[in-house]
Amino acid sequence: MEALVGLNLEMGNDDTSSVLADKCLELLGKVELKNSDEGSEVASARAKAIKGLAELVQGNLESAEPFFQGFLDNKGCIGNAALSYGEFLHATRNFSLAKDFYQKVIQEVANKKDFTDVRALAACNMASEEVLLAATCALGQLEVHMGNFGNAEETLTSALNRAEQLFGSRHPKVGVVLTCLALMFQHKSKQEHSSSLLIQEGLYRRAIELLKAPPLDLEVNRTMRSGMDIIALARGGYAETLCIQENRKGEGEKMKRWAEAAWRNRSLSLSEALKISDSSNRMPVVDARICRAL
């Protein structure tokens, strides 16, 4: 059931994912857990966390919060559940605690050498390899938001290498990490008043290609769902690099209009997602498991 929710989130079927997450909680409630052992705590945490993730995707931070209550001291908060909780903390600007949970996930998953522990079993984009990739990518984004660009580049490069090892160099998930890496260079250049336009442009172009973005001449419509969050983010970031170049401003404006039309996030505008603002009460986080911007 967790995997079904994850797949529907990746495909952009948010209403279906929410219904499935409710069903997951309902099924768990029907199970008579005779002993309150660690296994039952893990099952409960994962069921709550997948519902919390479904709410996060739709921008409902207040609705997501109750599903993560008690996770700080919950022994069952491991793997997928810990990653989703970390993303909630990250989105709500609790950077220090979010970093602790990202590092906790990376350490736990990296140390698991087999699947003898039934609590570690998962499927599809909720499997441990995907969790490790997503946690590494999220940690890299967090370092960007904290202004630690050296750590961010190192961590996101590690995530990129992991994505290429898992899926091959031409997979869309490589494009997801490349988008995060391009955004890192963009934020760095703004904060440090430096120029890395060629690096940014190269990363964005490759990301857009791997994400299989529709042509700019193709009108955006609501049937386009899978991957549109990240495609819009990549094209929006690329548009910014073009708009500051006088001879390419027209190309950039066209790309910007397309990206804004394709953006699906209900609680953040594309322009808000592309900048780091101290005044905003939330931060955008790309979840590499489901290829969505939270």
C-alpha atoms as a PDB file:
ATOM      1  CA  MET A   1       0.000   0.000   0.000  1.00  0.00           C
ATOM      2  CA  GLU A   2       2.899   2.351   0.785  1.00  0.00           C
ATOM      3  CA  ALA A   3       4.340   1.663  -2.672  1.00  0.00           C
ATOM      4  CA  LEU A   4       0.988   2.352  -4.338  1.00  0.00           C
ATOM      5  CA  VAL A   5       0.801   5.723  -2.615  1.00  0.00           C
ATOM      6  CA  GLY A   6       4.369   6.472  -3.697  1.00  0.00           C
ATOM      7  CA  LEU A   7       3.745   5.559  -7.328  1.00  0.00           C
ATOM      8  CA  ASN A   8       0.571   7.625  -7.516  1.00  0.00           C
ATOM      9  CA  LEU A   9       2.383  10.602  -5.990  1.00  0.00           C
ATOM     10  CA  GLU A  10       5.095  10.251  -8.628  1.00  0.00           C
ATOM     11  CA  MET A  11       2.477  10.137 -11.394  1.00  0.00           C
ATOM     12  CA  GLY A  12       0.720  13.219 -10.032  1.00  0.00           C
ATOM     13  CA  ASN A  13      -2.434  11.384  -8.979  1.00  0.00           C
ATOM     14  CA  ASP A  14      -2.698  13.283  -5.696  1.00  0.00           C
ATOM     15  CA  ASP A  15      -6.352  12.534  -4.936  1.00  0.00           C
ATOM     16  CA  THR A  16      -5.804   8.809  -5.484  1.00  0.00           C
ATOM     17  CA  SER A  17      -2.665   8.843  -3.331  1.00  0.00           C
ATOM     18  CA  SER A  18      -4.568  10.530  -0.497  1.00  0.00           C
ATOM     19  CA  VAL A  19      -7.361   7.944  -0.644  1.00  0.00           C
ATOM     20  CA  LEU A  20      -4.809   5.109  -0.668  1.00  0.00           C
ATOM     21  CA  ALA A  21      -2.958   6.635   2.286  1.00  0.00           C
ATOM     22  CA  ASP A  22      -6.234   6.759   4.223  1.00  0.00           C
ATOM     23  CA  LYS A  23      -6.801   3.116   3.309  1.00  0.00           C
ATOM     24  CA  CYS A  24      -3.331   2.285   4.583  1.00  0.00           C
ATOM     25  CA  LEU A  25      -4.160   3.819   7.966  1.00  0.00           C
ATOM     26  CA  GLU A  26      -7.525   2.063   7.977  1.00  0.00           C
ATOM     27  CA  LEU A  27      -5.941  -1.332   7.316  1.00  0.00           C
ATOM     28  CA  LEU A  28      -3.424  -0.771  10.075  1.00  0.00           C
ATOM     29  CA  GLY A  29      -6.232   0.132  12.468  1.00  0.00           C
ATOM     30  CA  LYS A  30      -7.981  -3.167  11.752  1.00  0.00           C
ATOM     31  CA  VAL A  31      -4.931  -5.221  12.645  1.00  0.00           C
ATOM     32  CA  GLU A  32      -4.952  -6.382  16.232  1.00  0.00           C
ATOM     33  CA  LEU A  33      -1.446  -5.704  17.431  1.00  0.00           C
ATOM     34  CA  LYS A  34      -1.224  -7.849  20.528  1.00  0.00           C
ATOM     35  CA  ASN A  35       2.190  -6.621  21.546  1.00  0.00           C
ATOM     36  CA  SER A  36       3.365  -3.043  21.331  1.00  0.00           C
ATOM     37  CA  ASP A  37       6.770  -4.057  19.973  1.00  0.00           C
ATOM     38  CA  GLU A  38       9.152  -2.150  17.752  1.00  0.00           C
ATOM     39  CA  GLY A  39       7.763  -3.834  14.628  1.00  0.00           C
ATOM     40  CA  SER A  40       4.291  -2.444  15.268  1.00  0.00           C
ATOM     41  CA  GLU A  41       5.781   0.991  15.938  1.00  0.00           C
ATOM     42  CA  VAL A  42       7.525   0.901  12.557  1.00  0.00           C
ATOM     43  CA  ALA A  43       4.321  -0.136  10.764  1.00  0.00           C
ATOM     44  CA  SER A  44       2.368   2.628  12.462  1.00  0.00           C
ATOM     45  CA  ALA A  45       5.020   5.266  11.735  1.00  0.00           C
ATOM     46  CA  ARG A  46       5.219   4.315   8.063  1.00  0.00           C
ATOM     47  CA  ALA A  47       1.441   4.403   7.649  1.00  0.00           C
ATOM     48  CA  LYS A  48       1.232   7.848   9.251  1.00  0.00           C
ATOM     49  CA  ALA A  49       4.251   9.157   7.362  1.00  0.00           C
ATOM     50  CA  ILE A  50       2.932   8.159   3.938  1.00  0.00           C
ATOM     51  CA  LYS A  51      -0.278  10.052   4.705  1.00  0.00           C
ATOM     52  CA  GLY A  52       1.789  12.995   5.925  1.00  0.00           C
ATOM     53  CA  LEU A  53       3.766  12.900   2.670  1.00  0.00           C
ATOM     54  CA  ALA A  54       0.545  12.913   0.640  1.00  0.00           C
ATOM     55  CA  GLU A  55      -0.502  16.067   2.499  1.00  0.00           C
ATOM     56  CA  LEU A  56       2.924  17.662   2.065  1.00  0.00           C
ATOM     57  CA  VAL A  57       2.786  17.170  -1.701  1.00  0.00           C
ATOM     58  CA  GLN A  58      -0.471  19.106  -1.794  1.00  0.00           C
ATOM     59  CA  GLY A  59       1.044  21.916   0.274  1.00  0.00           C
ATOM     60  CA  ASN A  60      -1.056  21.180   3.345  1.00  0.00           C
ATOM     61  CA  LEU A  61       1.501  21.716   6.097  1.00  0.00           C
ATOM     62  CA  GLU A  62      -1.107  22.093   8.824  1.00  0.00           C
ATOM     63  CA  SER A  63      -2.877  18.921   7.709  1.00  0.00           C
ATOM     64  CA  ALA A  64       0.416  17.033   7.518  1.00  0.00           C
ATOM     65  CA  GLU A  65       1.609  18.013  10.998  1.00  0.00           C
ATOM     66  CA  PRO A  66      -0.697  15.708  13.055  1.00  0.00           C
ATOM     67  CA  PHE A  67       0.598  12.646  11.203  1.00  0.00           C
ATOM     68  CA  PHE A  68       4.152  13.444  12.315  1.00  0.00           C
ATOM     69  CA  GLN A  69       3.336  14.162  15.943  1.00  0.00           C
ATOM     70  CA  GLY A  70       5.430  12.108  18.338  1.00  0.00           C
ATOM     71  CA  PHE A  71       7.986  11.158  15.650  1.00  0.00           C
ATOM     72  CA  LEU A  72      10.868  12.865  17.426  1.00  0.00           C
ATOM     73  CA  ASP A  73      11.008  10.185  20.138  1.00  0.00           C
ATOM     74  CA  ASN A  74       9.368   7.387  18.140  1.00  0.00           C
ATOM     75  CA  LYS A  75      11.624   4.315  17.788  1.00  0.00           C
ATOM     76  CA  GLY A  76       9.585   3.294  14.755  1.00  0.00           C
ATOM     77  CA  CYS A  77      10.584   6.467  12.900  1.00  0.00           C
ATOM     78  CA  ILE A  78      13.188   4.928  10.603  1.00  0.00           C
ATOM     79  CA  GLY A  79      13.745   4.713   6.842  1.00  0.00           C
ATOM     80  CA  ASN A  80      10.867   6.112   4.796  1.00  0.00           C
ATOM     81  CA  ALA A  81       9.064   7.519   7.825  1.00  0.00           C
ATOM     82  CA  ALA A  82      12.162   9.343   9.068  1.00  0.00           C
ATOM     83  CA  LEU A  83      12.835  10.776   5.610  1.00  0.00           C
ATOM     84  CA  SER A  84       9.290  12.124   5.241  1.00  0.00           C
ATOM     85  CA  TYR A  85       9.489  13.607   8.739  1.00  0.00           C
ATOM     86  CA  GLY A  86      12.818  15.200   7.856  1.00  0.00           C
ATOM     87  CA  GLU A  87      11.233  16.759   4.767  1.00  0.00           C
ATOM     88  CA  PHE A  88       8.385  18.131   6.878  1.00  0.00           C
ATOM     89  CA  LEU A  89      10.916  19.683   9.279  1.00  0.00           C
ATOM     90  CA  HIS A  90      12.894  21.033   6.324  1.00  0.00           C
ATOM     91  CA  ALA A  91       9.815  22.555   4.670  1.00  0.00           C
ATOM     92  CA  THR A  92       8.857  24.249   7.946  1.00  0.00           C
ATOM     93  CA  ARG A  93      12.407  25.629   8.361  1.00  0.00           C
ATOM     94  CA  ASN A  94      13.490  23.463  11.297  1.00  0.00           C
ATOM     95  CA  PHE A  95      16.834  23.016   9.594  1.00  0.00           C
ATOM     96  CA  SER A  96      18.890  21.655  12.472  1.00  0.00           C
ATOM     97  CA  LEU A  97      16.481  18.838  13.321  1.00  0.00           C
ATOM     98  CA  ALA A  98      15.842  18.081   9.662  1.00  0.00           C
ATOM     99  CA  LYS A  99      19.576  17.602   9.148  1.00  0.00           C
ATOM    100  CA  ASP A 100      19.705  15.177  12.073  1.00  0.00           C
ATOM    101  CA  PHE A 101      16.952  13.061  10.524  1.00  0.00           C
ATOM    102  CA  TYR A 102      18.445  13.101   7.021  1.00  0.00           C
ATOM    103  CA  GLN A 103      21.779  11.937   8.425  1.00  0.00           C
ATOM    104  CA  LYS A 104      19.997   9.328  10.536  1.00  0.00           C
ATOM    105  CA  VAL A 105      18.298   7.899   7.436  1.00  0.00           C
ATOM    106  CA  ILE A 106      21.530   7.849   5.431  1.00  0.00           C
ATOM    107  CA  GLN A 107      23.426   6.085   8.216  1.00  0.00           C
ATOM    108  CA  GLU A 108      20.680   3.530   8.903  1.00  0.00           C
ATOM    109  CA  VAL A 109      20.072   2.586   5.277  1.00  0.00           C
ATOM    110  CA  ALA A 110      23.764   2.486   4.366  1.00  0.00           C
ATOM    111  CA  ASN A 111      24.428   0.107   7.284  1.00  0.00           C
ATOM    112  CA  LYS A 112      21.746  -2.407   6.237  1.00  0.00           C
ATOM    113  CA  LYS A 113      23.487  -5.158   4.331  1.00  0.00           C
ATOM    114  CA  ASP A 114      20.521  -7.493   3.800  1.00  0.00           C
ATOM    115  CA  PHE A 115      16.755  -7.763   4.142  1.00  0.00           C
ATOM    116  CA  THR A 116      16.580 -10.105   7.114  1.00  0.00           C
ATOM    117  CA  ASP A 117      14.745  -7.382   9.044  1.00  0.00           C
ATOM    118  CA  VAL A 118      11.151  -7.429   7.805  1.00  0.00           C
ATOM    119  CA  ARG A 119      10.721  -3.816   8.925  1.00  0.00           C
ATOM    120  CA  ALA A 120      13.146  -2.730   6.196  1.00  0.00           C
ATOM    121  CA  LEU A 121      11.106  -4.272   3.367  1.00  0.00           C
ATOM    122  CA  ALA A 122       9.593  -1.854   0.879  1.00  0.00           C
ATOM    123  CA  ALA A 123       8.823  -1.688  -2.830  1.00  0.00           C
ATOM    124  CA  CYS A 124       9.106   0.598  -5.866  1.00  0.00           C
ATOM    125  CA  ASN A 125      10.077   4.199  -5.090  1.00  0.00           C
ATOM    126  CA  MET A 126       9.793   3.461  -1.372  1.00  0.00           C
ATOM    127  CA  ALA A 127      12.602   0.847  -1.465  1.00  0.00           C
ATOM    128  CA  SER A 128      15.779   1.432   0.545  1.00  0.00           C
ATOM    129  CA  GLU A 129      17.937   2.395  -2.462  1.00  0.00           C
ATOM    130  CA  GLU A 130      15.476   5.141  -3.372  1.00  0.00           C
ATOM    131  CA  VAL A 131      15.256   6.276   0.260  1.00  0.00           C
ATOM    132  CA  LEU A 132      19.044   6.593   0.503  1.00  0.00           C
ATOM    133  CA  LEU A 133      19.202   8.557  -2.754  1.00  0.00           C
ATOM    134  CA  ALA A 134      16.364  10.872  -1.686  1.00  0.00           C
ATOM    135  CA  ALA A 135      17.829  11.469   1.779  1.00  0.00           C
ATOM    136  CA  THR A 136      21.215  12.364   0.277  1.00  0.00           C
ATOM    137  CA  CYS A 137      19.578  14.704  -2.239  1.00  0.00           C
ATOM    138  CA  ALA A 138      17.449  16.320   0.479  1.00  0.00           C
ATOM    139  CA  LEU A 139      20.495  16.808   2.717  1.00  0.00           C
ATOM    140  CA  GLY A 140      22.277  18.539  -0.168  1.00  0.00           C
ATOM    141  CA  GLN A 141      19.336  20.901  -0.627  1.00  0.00           C
ATOM    142  CA  LEU A 142      19.301  21.608   3.101  1.00  0.00           C
ATOM    143  CA  GLU A 143      22.974  22.578   3.003  1.00  0.00           C
ATOM    144  CA  VAL A 144      22.100  25.022   0.205  1.00  0.00           C
ATOM    145  CA  HIS A 145      19.332  26.551   2.312  1.00  0.00           C
ATOM    146  CA  MET A 146      21.753  26.889   5.223  1.00  0.00           C
ATOM    147  CA  GLY A 147      24.305  28.605   2.964  1.00  0.00           C
ATOM    148  CA  ASN A 148      26.854  25.779   3.188  1.00  0.00           C
ATOM    149  CA  PHE A 149      27.573  25.599  -0.539  1.00  0.00           C
ATOM    150  CA  GLY A 150      30.740  23.518  -0.268  1.00  0.00           C
ATOM    151  CA  ASN A 151      28.929  20.785   1.664  1.00  0.00           C
ATOM    152  CA  ALA A 152      25.931  21.132  -0.642  1.00  0.00           C
ATOM    153  CA  GLU A 153      27.962  20.553  -3.799  1.00  0.00           C
ATOM    154  CA  GLU A 154      29.732  17.549  -2.292  1.00  0.00           C
ATOM    155  CA  THR A 155      26.464  15.983  -1.056  1.00  0.00           C
ATOM    156  CA  LEU A 156      24.507  16.601  -4.261  1.00  0.00           C
ATOM    157  CA  THR A 157      27.406  15.249  -6.347  1.00  0.00           C
ATOM    158  CA  SER A 158      27.275  12.113  -4.186  1.00  0.00           C
ATOM    159  CA  ALA A 159      23.521  11.887  -4.842  1.00  0.00           C
ATOM    160  CA  LEU A 160      24.134  12.305  -8.579  1.00  0.00           C
ATOM    161  CA  ASN A 161      26.706   9.495  -8.614  1.00  0.00           C
ATOM    162  CA  ARG A 162      24.311   7.267  -6.676  1.00  0.00           C
ATOM    163  CA  ALA A 163      21.446   8.001  -9.088  1.00  0.00           C
ATOM    164  CA  GLU A 164      23.640   7.140 -12.078  1.00  0.00           C
ATOM    165  CA  GLN A 165      24.779   3.906 -10.424  1.00  0.00           C
ATOM    166  CA  LEU A 166      21.225   2.861  -9.605  1.00  0.00           C
ATOM    167  CA  PHE A 167      19.438   3.863 -12.798  1.00  0.00           C
ATOM    168  CA  GLY A 168      22.035   4.617 -15.470  1.00  0.00           C
ATOM    169  CA  SER A 169      23.139   8.011 -16.734  1.00  0.00           C
ATOM    170  CA  ARG A 170      20.052   8.591 -18.926  1.00  0.00           C
ATOM    171  CA  HIS A 171      17.317   8.067 -16.314  1.00  0.00           C
ATOM    172  CA  PRO A 172      14.860  10.884 -15.372  1.00  0.00           C
ATOM    173  CA  LYS A 173      15.841  10.587 -11.691  1.00  0.00           C
ATOM    174  CA  VAL A 174      19.333  11.651 -12.676  1.00  0.00           C
ATOM    175  CA  GLY A 175      17.610  14.716 -14.121  1.00  0.00           C
ATOM    176  CA  VAL A 176      15.950  15.366 -10.759  1.00  0.00           C
ATOM    177  CA  VAL A 177      19.305  15.488  -8.955  1.00  0.00           C
ATOM    178  CA  LEU A 178      20.843  17.562 -11.754  1.00  0.00           C
ATOM    179  CA  THR A 179      18.060  20.113 -11.260  1.00  0.00           C
ATOM    180  CA  CYS A 180      18.918  20.365  -7.558  1.00  0.00           C
ATOM    181  CA  LEU A 181      22.613  20.730  -8.419  1.00  0.00           C
ATOM    182  CA  ALA A 182      21.869  23.487 -10.964  1.00  0.00           C
ATOM    183  CA  LEU A 183      19.740  25.331  -8.396  1.00  0.00           C
ATOM    184  CA  MET A 184      22.606  25.073  -5.921  1.00  0.00           C
ATOM    185  CA  PHE A 185      24.999  26.828  -8.332  1.00  0.00           C
ATOM    186  CA  GLN A 186      22.335  29.445  -9.040  1.00  0.00           C
ATOM    187  CA  HIS A 187      21.781  30.213  -5.340  1.00  0.00           C
ATOM    188  CA  LYS A 188      25.538  30.235  -4.746  1.00  0.00           C
ATOM    189  CA  SER A 189      26.183  32.724  -7.541  1.00  0.00           C
ATOM    190  CA  LYS A 190      23.486  35.056  -6.205  1.00  0.00           C
ATOM    191  CA  GLN A 191      24.723  34.956  -2.631  1.00  0.00           C
ATOM    192  CA  GLU A 192      28.412  35.194  -3.456  1.00  0.00           C
ATOM    193  CA  HIS A 193      27.918  37.597  -6.392  1.00  0.00           C
ATOM    194  CA  SER A 194      29.813  35.240  -8.645  1.00  0.00           C
ATOM    195  CA  SER A 195      29.053  33.945 -12.129  1.00  0.00           C
ATOM    196  CA  SER A 196      28.578  30.312 -13.098  1.00  0.00           C
ATOM    197  CA  LEU A 197      26.181  30.760 -16.023  1.00  0.00           C
ATOM    198  CA  LEU A 198      27.879  28.189 -18.229  1.00  0.00           C
ATOM    199  CA  ILE A 199      27.774  25.563 -15.465  1.00  0.00           C
ATOM    200  CA  GLN A 200      24.132  26.342 -14.659  1.00  0.00           C
ATOM    201  CA  GLU A 201      23.080  26.271 -18.288  1.00  0.00           C
ATOM    202  CA  GLY A 202      24.836  22.977 -18.929  1.00  0.00           C
ATOM    203  CA  LEU A 203      23.226  21.318 -15.906  1.00  0.00           C
ATOM    204  CA  TYR A 204      19.755  22.669 -16.712  1.00  0.00           C
ATOM    205  CA  ARG A 205      19.956  21.606 -20.370  1.00  0.00           C
ATOM    206  CA  ARG A 206      20.988  18.068 -19.437  1.00  0.00           C
ATOM    207  CA  ALA A 207      18.340  17.858 -16.687  1.00  0.00           C
ATOM    208  CA  ILE A 208      15.569  19.014 -19.024  1.00  0.00           C
ATOM    209  CA  GLU A 209      16.673  16.468 -21.626  1.00  0.00           C
ATOM    210  CA  LEU A 210      16.706  13.580 -19.127  1.00  0.00           C
ATOM    211  CA  LEU A 211      13.361  14.641 -17.639  1.00  0.00           C
ATOM    212  CA  LYS A 212      11.897  14.321 -21.164  1.00  0.00           C
ATOM    213  CA  ALA A 213      10.350  17.773 -21.022  1.00  0.00           C
ATOM    214  CA  PRO A 214       7.682  18.516 -23.652  1.00  0.00           C
ATOM    215  CA  PRO A 215       8.616  21.058 -26.356  1.00  0.00           C
ATOM    216  CA  LEU A 216       8.128  24.700 -25.403  1.00  0.00           C
ATOM    217  CA  ASP A 217       5.753  25.096 -28.321  1.00  0.00           C
ATOM    218  CA  LEU A 218       3.454  22.455 -26.832  1.00  0.00           C
ATOM    219  CA  GLU A 219       0.745  24.105 -24.757  1.00  0.00           C
ATOM    220  CA  VAL A 220       0.657  23.015 -21.124  1.00  0.00           C
ATOM    221  CA  ASN A 221      -2.479  21.115 -20.112  1.00  0.00           C
ATOM    222  CA  ARG A 222      -3.707  19.339 -17.007  1.00  0.00           C
ATOM    223  CA  THR A 223      -3.143  15.878 -18.481  1.00  0.00           C
ATOM    224  CA  MET A 224       0.599  16.465 -18.142  1.00  0.00           C
ATOM    225  CA  ARG A 225       1.325  15.171 -14.662  1.00  0.00           C
ATOM    226  CA  SER A 226       4.299  12.887 -14.191  1.00  0.00           C
ATOM    227  CA  GLY A 227       7.480  14.832 -13.511  1.00  0.00           C
ATOM    228  CA  MET A 228       5.955  18.244 -14.225  1.00  0.00           C
ATOM    229  CA  ASP A 229       7.014  19.679 -10.849  1.00  0.00           C
ATOM    230  CA  ILE A 230      10.693  19.148 -11.574  1.00  0.00           C
ATOM    231  CA  ILE A 231      10.447  20.025 -15.264  1.00  0.00           C
ATOM    232  CA  ALA A 232       8.845  23.350 -14.321  1.00  0.00           C
ATOM    233  CA  LEU A 233      11.524  23.921 -11.672  1.00  0.00           C
ATOM    234  CA  ALA A 234      14.330  23.144 -14.142  1.00  0.00           C
ATOM    235  CA  ARG A 235      12.883  25.310 -16.883  1.00  0.00           C
ATOM    236  CA  GLY A 236      12.107  28.107 -14.420  1.00  0.00           C
ATOM    237  CA  GLY A 237      15.687  28.101 -13.173  1.00  0.00           C
ATOM    238  CA  TYR A 238      17.057  27.912 -16.716  1.00  0.00           C
ATOM    239  CA  ALA A 239      14.803  30.816 -17.721  1.00  0.00           C
ATOM    240  CA  GLU A 240      16.375  32.963 -14.987  1.00  0.00           C
ATOM    241  CA  THR A 241      19.857  32.313 -16.347  1.00  0.00           C
ATOM    242  CA  LEU A 242      18.692  33.292 -19.836  1.00  0.00           C
ATOM    243  CA  CYS A 243      16.805  36.431 -18.783  1.00  0.00           C
ATOM    244  CA  ILE A 244      19.923  38.067 -17.344  1.00  0.00           C
ATOM    245  CA  GLN A 245      21.631  37.698 -20.744  1.00  0.00           C
ATOM    246  CA  GLU A 246      20.462  40.559 -22.958  1.00  0.00           C
ATOM    247  CA  ASN A 247      20.730  38.597 -26.220  1.00  0.00           C
ATOM    248  CA  ARG A 248      18.700  35.653 -24.818  1.00  0.00           C
ATOM    249  CA  LYS A 249      16.070  37.471 -22.790  1.00  0.00           C
ATOM    250  CA  GLY A 250      13.264  36.678 -25.244  1.00  0.00           C
ATOM    251  CA  GLU A 251      14.076  32.961 -25.079  1.00  0.00           C
ATOM    252  CA  GLY A 252      14.132  33.177 -21.296  1.00  0.00           C
ATOM    253  CA  GLU A 253      10.769  34.930 -21.049  1.00  0.00           C
ATOM    254  CA  LYS A 254       9.145  32.279 -23.234  1.00  0.00           C
ATOM    255  CA  MET A 255      10.584  29.509 -21.088  1.00  0.00           C
ATOM    256  CA  LYS A 256       9.502  31.300 -17.914  1.00  0.00           C
ATOM    257  CA  ARG A 257       5.883  31.552 -19.111  1.00  0.00           C
ATOM    258  CA  TRP A 258       5.841  27.837 -19.947  1.00  0.00           C
ATOM    259  CA  ALA A 259       7.320  26.892 -16.569  1.00  0.00           C
ATOM    260  CA  GLU A 260       4.824  29.017 -14.645  1.00  0.00           C
ATOM    261  CA  ALA A 261       1.924  27.423 -16.542  1.00  0.00           C
ATOM    262  CA  ALA A 262       3.305  23.942 -15.793  1.00  0.00           C
ATOM    263  CA  TRP A 263       3.926  24.557 -12.071  1.00  0.00           C
ATOM    264  CA  ARG A 264       1.543  22.457  -9.944  1.00  0.00           C
ATOM    265  CA  ASN A 265       2.422  23.299  -6.337  1.00  0.00           C
ATOM    266  CA  ARG A 266      -0.592  24.803  -4.577  1.00  0.00           C
ATOM    267  CA  SER A 267       1.184  26.567  -1.717  1.00  0.00           C
ATOM    268  CA  LEU A 268       4.278  27.995  -3.401  1.00  0.00           C
ATOM    269  CA  SER A 269       4.607  29.971  -6.601  1.00  0.00           C
ATOM    270  CA  LEU A 270       7.402  28.986  -8.964  1.00  0.00           C
ATOM    271  CA  SER A 271       9.258  32.222  -8.217  1.00  0.00           C
ATOM    272  CA  GLU A 272       9.089  31.426  -4.477  1.00  0.00           C
ATOM    273  CA  ALA A 273      10.423  27.919  -5.113  1.00  0.00           C
ATOM    274  CA  LEU A 274      13.368  29.315  -7.068  1.00  0.00           C
ATOM    275  CA  LYS A 275      14.642  31.652  -4.374  1.00  0.00           C
ATOM    276  CA  ILE A 276      15.819  31.320  -0.785  1.00  0.00           C
ATOM    277  CA  SER A 277      13.846  33.762   1.293  1.00  0.00           C
ATOM    278  CA  ASP A 278      14.313  34.426   5.001  1.00  0.00           C
ATOM    279  CA  SER A 279      10.816  35.891   5.162  1.00  0.00           C
ATOM    280  CA  SER A 280       9.011  32.815   3.841  1.00  0.00           C
ATOM    281  CA  ASN A 281       7.514  30.456   6.432  1.00  0.00           C
ATOM    282  CA  ARG A 282       8.374  27.411   4.357  1.00  0.00           C
ATOM    283  CA  MET A 283      11.107  26.103   2.091  1.00  0.00           C
ATOM    284  CA  PRO A 284      10.745  24.086  -1.116  1.00  0.00           C
ATOM    285  CA  VAL A 285      12.127  20.547  -0.916  1.00  0.00           C
ATOM    286  CA  VAL A 286      12.523  18.193  -3.876  1.00  0.00           C
ATOM    287  CA  ASP A 287      11.702  14.586  -2.949  1.00  0.00           C
ATOM    288  CA  ALA A 288      13.751  12.374  -5.270  1.00  0.00           C
ATOM    289  CA  ARG A 289      11.669   9.302  -4.372  1.00  0.00           C
ATOM    290  CA  ILE A 290       8.535  10.678  -5.974  1.00  0.00           C
ATOM    291  CA  CYS A 291      10.125  13.379  -8.179  1.00  0.00           C
ATOM    292  CA  ARG A 292       7.976  16.120  -6.650  1.00  0.00           C
ATOM    293  CA  ALA A 293       8.593  19.541  -5.126  1.00  0.00           C
ATOM    294  CA  LEU A 294       7.110  19.743  -1.636  1.00  0.00           C
END
